[in-house]
Every structure is written in structure tokens, then in C-alpha cells.
């Protein structure tokens, strides 16, 4: 059995990423590795200034909302007390780039076959395809 210390898994809340999280947690438990659960949010533009539909004081902080959502997914999939050390990480950026950057400190990168976006008929989503090609460690794509 290999001496993995860190397994990184990309989670966006989609069914595929939830399967990837469950699979990665089982591998982390088997290898006694830490599990880094990464969610990436992309910056979106707010409506033009002066729009009555958006008030600055009511715009939620996207990184806090994303962190809350990520913790909820981890609890739903792994329970209140996961069998491994779980480190949730929320970053802003492009999902594939952030996951590739995170892979430099990992022994294994795990992603789901498909996330939220794109074309349902494709075998792999754009993120899983991109990280499979450019990650700095071994990649597992969970179906």
C-alpha cells in the first residue's frame, strides 16, 4: 500500500462531486491520509450600480456562503464525525486551475466525472478533463 499523506477532492455539490467525496474519504481512511476538500467559487458580476434589485448591504459574502455550503455537503456525505481528518478549503478562481494548483501538494487528486455545468452528453466534464491532463499528482475520476 502506498504512503499517501494528502488526498485532495474537488467538490461543487453536484452528485458527481459527492460521489468523489465519499470515494476519496474511503481512500483517505484506508491510507491514513488527510482529506482536503476543495470548493472553488468564481467571481460573478453584480448588476450595474443604481439597480434597485441589489443593495450592497444585502449582498452575501460568496466565500462565506460557499464555505457554509461545503461544510453542509461534507456533513451530509461523511456524517458529523468523518472517519478521516477533513480540511475544507474554499478558494476563488477557476475550478480547474485551483485544483491543479492544489495538486502540487497532494498525493492524489479526486474529482467527479461531471460537475454542474456544461453539456450532459460528454463523458468527462471540462474540469475533470483539464485536471486529468495537467495535475501534478495522480488523478482519479469517479463515475
C-alpha atoms as a PDB file:
ATOM      1  CA  UNK A   1       0.000   0.000   0.000  1.00  0.00           C
ATOM      2  CA  UNK A   2       1.362   3.411  -0.916  1.00  0.00           C
ATOM      3  CA  UNK A   3       2.237   6.032   1.672  1.00  0.00           C
ATOM      4  CA  UNK A   4      -0.255   8.711   0.716  1.00  0.00           C
ATOM      5  CA  UNK A   5      -0.366  11.619   3.124  1.00  0.00           C
ATOM      6  CA  UNK A   6      -2.758  14.007   1.395  1.00  0.00           C
ATOM      7  CA  UNK A   7      -5.760  13.393  -0.852  1.00  0.00           C
ATOM      8  CA  UNK A   8      -7.428  16.417  -2.439  1.00  0.00           C
ATOM      9  CA  UNK A   9     -11.003  16.186  -3.693  1.00  0.00           C
ATOM     10  CA  UNK A  10     -12.886  18.818  -5.681  1.00  0.00           C
ATOM     11  CA  UNK A  11     -16.461  19.303  -4.507  1.00  0.00           C
ATOM     12  CA  UNK A  12     -19.049  21.592  -6.091  1.00  0.00           C
ATOM     13  CA  UNK A  13     -22.126  19.991  -4.534  1.00  0.00           C
ATOM     14  CA  UNK A  14     -23.111  18.112  -7.697  1.00  0.00           C
ATOM     15  CA  UNK A  15     -23.988  14.405  -7.482  1.00  0.00           C
ATOM     16  CA  UNK A  16     -20.693  13.511  -9.180  1.00  0.00           C
ATOM     17  CA  UNK A  17     -18.623  15.528  -6.736  1.00  0.00           C
ATOM     18  CA  UNK A  18     -20.491  13.982  -3.802  1.00  0.00           C
ATOM     19  CA  UNK A  19     -19.571  10.513  -5.091  1.00  0.00           C
ATOM     20  CA  UNK A  20     -15.980  11.699  -5.454  1.00  0.00           C
ATOM     21  CA  UNK A  21     -16.001  12.966  -1.845  1.00  0.00           C
ATOM     22  CA  UNK A  22     -17.291   9.653  -0.497  1.00  0.00           C
ATOM     23  CA  UNK A  23     -14.751   7.684  -2.544  1.00  0.00           C
ATOM     24  CA  UNK A  24     -11.872   9.986  -1.542  1.00  0.00           C
ATOM     25  CA  UNK A  25     -12.798   9.742   2.153  1.00  0.00           C
ATOM     26  CA  UNK A  26     -12.731   5.936   1.975  1.00  0.00           C
ATOM     27  CA  UNK A  27      -9.304   6.046   0.304  1.00  0.00           C
ATOM     28  CA  UNK A  28      -8.031   8.550   2.860  1.00  0.00           C
ATOM     29  CA  UNK A  29      -9.209   6.279   5.684  1.00  0.00           C
ATOM     30  CA  UNK A  30      -7.554   3.246   4.100  1.00  0.00           C
ATOM     31  CA  UNK A  31      -4.251   5.069   3.560  1.00  0.00           C
ATOM     32  CA  UNK A  32      -4.455   7.088   6.796  1.00  0.00           C
ATOM     33  CA  UNK A  33      -4.174  10.249   4.709  1.00  0.00           C
ATOM     34  CA  UNK A  34      -5.571  13.717   5.343  1.00  0.00           C
ATOM     35  CA  UNK A  35      -8.502  14.724   3.138  1.00  0.00           C
ATOM     36  CA  UNK A  36      -8.504  18.225   1.682  1.00  0.00           C
ATOM     37  CA  UNK A  37     -11.972  19.085   0.346  1.00  0.00           C
ATOM     38  CA  UNK A  38     -11.780  21.981  -2.110  1.00  0.00           C
ATOM     39  CA  UNK A  39     -14.628  24.116  -3.384  1.00  0.00           C
ATOM     40  CA  UNK A  40     -13.949  26.923  -5.837  1.00  0.00           C
ATOM     41  CA  UNK A  41     -16.201  29.876  -6.430  1.00  0.00           C
ATOM     42  CA  UNK A  42     -15.892  32.089  -9.467  1.00  0.00           C
ATOM     43  CA  UNK A  43     -16.333  35.842  -9.294  1.00  0.00           C
ATOM     44  CA  UNK A  44     -19.588  36.976 -10.884  1.00  0.00           C
ATOM     45  CA  UNK A  45     -20.529  40.496 -11.804  1.00  0.00           C
ATOM     46  CA  UNK A  46     -23.167  42.324  -9.807  1.00  0.00           C
ATOM     47  CA  UNK A  47     -25.916  44.242 -11.597  1.00  0.00           C
ATOM     48  CA  UNK A  48     -24.962  47.804 -12.615  1.00  0.00           C
ATOM     49  CA  UNK A  49     -24.751  50.400  -9.849  1.00  0.00           C
ATOM     50  CA  UNK A  50     -28.050  52.068  -9.121  1.00  0.00           C
ATOM     51  CA  UNK A  51     -30.077  48.937  -9.738  1.00  0.00           C
ATOM     52  CA  UNK A  52     -32.933  48.777  -7.274  1.00  0.00           C
ATOM     53  CA  UNK A  53     -32.763  44.988  -7.209  1.00  0.00           C
ATOM     54  CA  UNK A  54     -29.445  44.840  -5.322  1.00  0.00           C
ATOM     55  CA  UNK A  55     -28.384  46.683  -2.205  1.00  0.00           C
ATOM     56  CA  UNK A  56     -24.731  46.420  -1.122  1.00  0.00           C
ATOM     57  CA  UNK A  57     -25.608  45.596   2.454  1.00  0.00           C
ATOM     58  CA  UNK A  58     -27.728  42.611   1.357  1.00  0.00           C
ATOM     59  CA  UNK A  59     -25.164  41.009  -0.972  1.00  0.00           C
ATOM     60  CA  UNK A  60     -23.949  37.853   0.799  1.00  0.00           C
ATOM     61  CA  UNK A  61     -20.222  37.191   1.030  1.00  0.00           C
ATOM     62  CA  UNK A  62     -19.684  34.487  -1.612  1.00  0.00           C
ATOM     63  CA  UNK A  63     -16.746  32.848   0.159  1.00  0.00           C
ATOM     64  CA  UNK A  64     -18.686  32.541   3.435  1.00  0.00           C
ATOM     65  CA  UNK A  65     -21.768  31.189   1.669  1.00  0.00           C
ATOM     66  CA  UNK A  66     -19.572  28.730  -0.243  1.00  0.00           C
ATOM     67  CA  UNK A  67     -17.821  27.624   2.972  1.00  0.00           C
ATOM     68  CA  UNK A  68     -21.184  27.060   4.675  1.00  0.00           C
ATOM     69  CA  UNK A  69     -22.428  25.049   1.690  1.00  0.00           C
ATOM     70  CA  UNK A  70     -19.223  22.985   1.620  1.00  0.00           C
ATOM     71  CA  UNK A  71     -19.471  22.134   5.324  1.00  0.00           C
ATOM     72  CA  UNK A  72     -23.074  21.057   4.781  1.00  0.00           C
ATOM     73  CA  UNK A  73     -22.105  18.740   1.893  1.00  0.00           C
ATOM     74  CA  UNK A  74     -19.298  17.222   3.988  1.00  0.00           C
ATOM     75  CA  UNK A  75     -21.739  16.557   6.856  1.00  0.00           C
ATOM     76  CA  UNK A  76     -24.347  15.071   4.515  1.00  0.00           C
ATOM     77  CA  UNK A  77     -21.874  12.738   2.812  1.00  0.00           C
ATOM     78  CA  UNK A  78     -19.437  11.855   5.624  1.00  0.00           C
ATOM     79  CA  UNK A  79     -21.509  12.414   8.759  1.00  0.00           C
ATOM     80  CA  UNK A  80     -20.929  14.591  11.796  1.00  0.00           C
ATOM     81  CA  UNK A  81     -17.669  12.815  12.656  1.00  0.00           C
ATOM     82  CA  UNK A  82     -15.871  11.756   9.449  1.00  0.00           C
ATOM     83  CA  UNK A  83     -13.524   8.752   9.679  1.00  0.00           C
ATOM     84  CA  UNK A  84     -10.588  10.886   8.492  1.00  0.00           C
ATOM     85  CA  UNK A  85      -9.130  14.321   9.141  1.00  0.00           C
ATOM     86  CA  UNK A  86     -11.031  16.634   6.779  1.00  0.00           C
ATOM     87  CA  UNK A  87      -9.736  20.076   5.881  1.00  0.00           C
ATOM     88  CA  UNK A  88     -12.292  22.149   3.951  1.00  0.00           C
ATOM     89  CA  UNK A  89     -10.769  24.738   1.617  1.00  0.00           C
ATOM     90  CA  UNK A  90     -12.681  27.459  -0.246  1.00  0.00           C
ATOM     91  CA  UNK A  91     -10.918  29.481  -2.910  1.00  0.00           C
ATOM     92  CA  UNK A  92     -11.890  31.983  -5.544  1.00  0.00           C
ATOM     93  CA  UNK A  93     -10.813  31.293  -9.104  1.00  0.00           C
ATOM     94  CA  UNK A  94     -11.264  28.903 -11.970  1.00  0.00           C
ATOM     95  CA  UNK A  95     -12.015  25.394 -10.652  1.00  0.00           C
ATOM     96  CA  UNK A  96      -9.567  23.533 -12.904  1.00  0.00           C
ATOM     97  CA  UNK A  97      -6.711  25.968 -12.190  1.00  0.00           C
ATOM     98  CA  UNK A  98      -7.266  25.942  -8.426  1.00  0.00           C
ATOM     99  CA  UNK A  99      -7.431  22.128  -8.325  1.00  0.00           C
ATOM    100  CA  UNK A 100      -4.269  21.848 -10.423  1.00  0.00           C
ATOM    101  CA  UNK A 101      -2.519  24.273  -8.040  1.00  0.00           C
ATOM    102  CA  UNK A 102      -3.741  22.228  -5.043  1.00  0.00           C
ATOM    103  CA  UNK A 103      -2.472  19.029  -6.683  1.00  0.00           C
ATOM    104  CA  UNK A 104       1.141  20.155  -6.269  1.00  0.00           C
ATOM    105  CA  UNK A 105       0.935  19.370  -2.546  1.00  0.00           C
ATOM    106  CA  UNK A 106      -1.127  16.197  -2.886  1.00  0.00           C
ATOM    107  CA  UNK A 107      -0.517  12.521  -3.459  1.00  0.00           C
ATOM    108  CA  UNK A 108      -3.895  12.047  -5.159  1.00  0.00           C
ATOM    109  CA  UNK A 109      -6.471  14.396  -6.687  1.00  0.00           C
ATOM    110  CA  UNK A 110     -10.041  13.128  -6.913  1.00  0.00           C
ATOM    111  CA  UNK A 111     -12.820  14.677  -8.993  1.00  0.00           C
ATOM    112  CA  UNK A 112     -16.243  13.612 -10.149  1.00  0.00           C
ATOM    113  CA  UNK A 113     -16.866  12.721 -13.752  1.00  0.00           C
ATOM    114  CA  UNK A 114     -19.168  15.690 -14.257  1.00  0.00           C
ATOM    115  CA  UNK A 115     -19.991  18.785 -12.241  1.00  0.00           C
ATOM    116  CA  UNK A 116     -22.817  21.292 -12.505  1.00  0.00           C
ATOM    117  CA  UNK A 117     -22.013  22.888 -15.828  1.00  0.00           C
ATOM    118  CA  UNK A 118     -21.674  22.078 -19.445  1.00  0.00           C
ATOM    119  CA  UNK A 119     -23.003  19.506 -21.794  1.00  0.00           C
ATOM    120  CA  UNK A 120     -24.595  16.428 -20.242  1.00  0.00           C
ATOM    121  CA  UNK A 121     -23.692  14.193 -23.212  1.00  0.00           C
ATOM    122  CA  UNK A 122     -19.935  14.475 -22.688  1.00  0.00           C
ATOM    123  CA  UNK A 123     -18.145  11.610 -20.946  1.00  0.00           C
ATOM    124  CA  UNK A 124     -15.981  13.962 -18.864  1.00  0.00           C
ATOM    125  CA  UNK A 125     -16.726  17.478 -17.737  1.00  0.00           C
ATOM    126  CA  UNK A 126     -14.300  20.265 -18.590  1.00  0.00           C
ATOM    127  CA  UNK A 127     -12.792  20.410 -15.091  1.00  0.00           C
ATOM    128  CA  UNK A 128     -12.174  16.658 -14.797  1.00  0.00           C
ATOM    129  CA  UNK A 129     -10.722  16.624 -18.310  1.00  0.00           C
ATOM    130  CA  UNK A 130      -8.431  19.568 -17.583  1.00  0.00           C
ATOM    131  CA  UNK A 131      -7.130  18.321 -14.228  1.00  0.00           C
ATOM    132  CA  UNK A 132      -6.564  14.836 -15.680  1.00  0.00           C
ATOM    133  CA  UNK A 133      -4.238  16.375 -18.221  1.00  0.00           C
ATOM    134  CA  UNK A 134      -2.375  18.902 -16.055  1.00  0.00           C
ATOM    135  CA  UNK A 135      -2.426  17.865 -12.378  1.00  0.00           C
ATOM    136  CA  UNK A 136       0.888  17.483 -10.566  1.00  0.00           C
ATOM    137  CA  UNK A 137      -0.145  14.155  -8.990  1.00  0.00           C
ATOM    138  CA  UNK A 138      -2.163  11.069  -9.782  1.00  0.00           C
ATOM    139  CA  UNK A 139      -5.804  11.816 -10.636  1.00  0.00           C
ATOM    140  CA  UNK A 140      -8.858   9.635 -10.071  1.00  0.00           C
ATOM    141  CA  UNK A 141     -12.107  10.489 -11.834  1.00  0.00           C
ATOM    142  CA  UNK A 142     -15.055   8.925 -10.011  1.00  0.00           C
ATOM    143  CA  UNK A 143     -18.088   7.881 -12.053  1.00  0.00           C
END
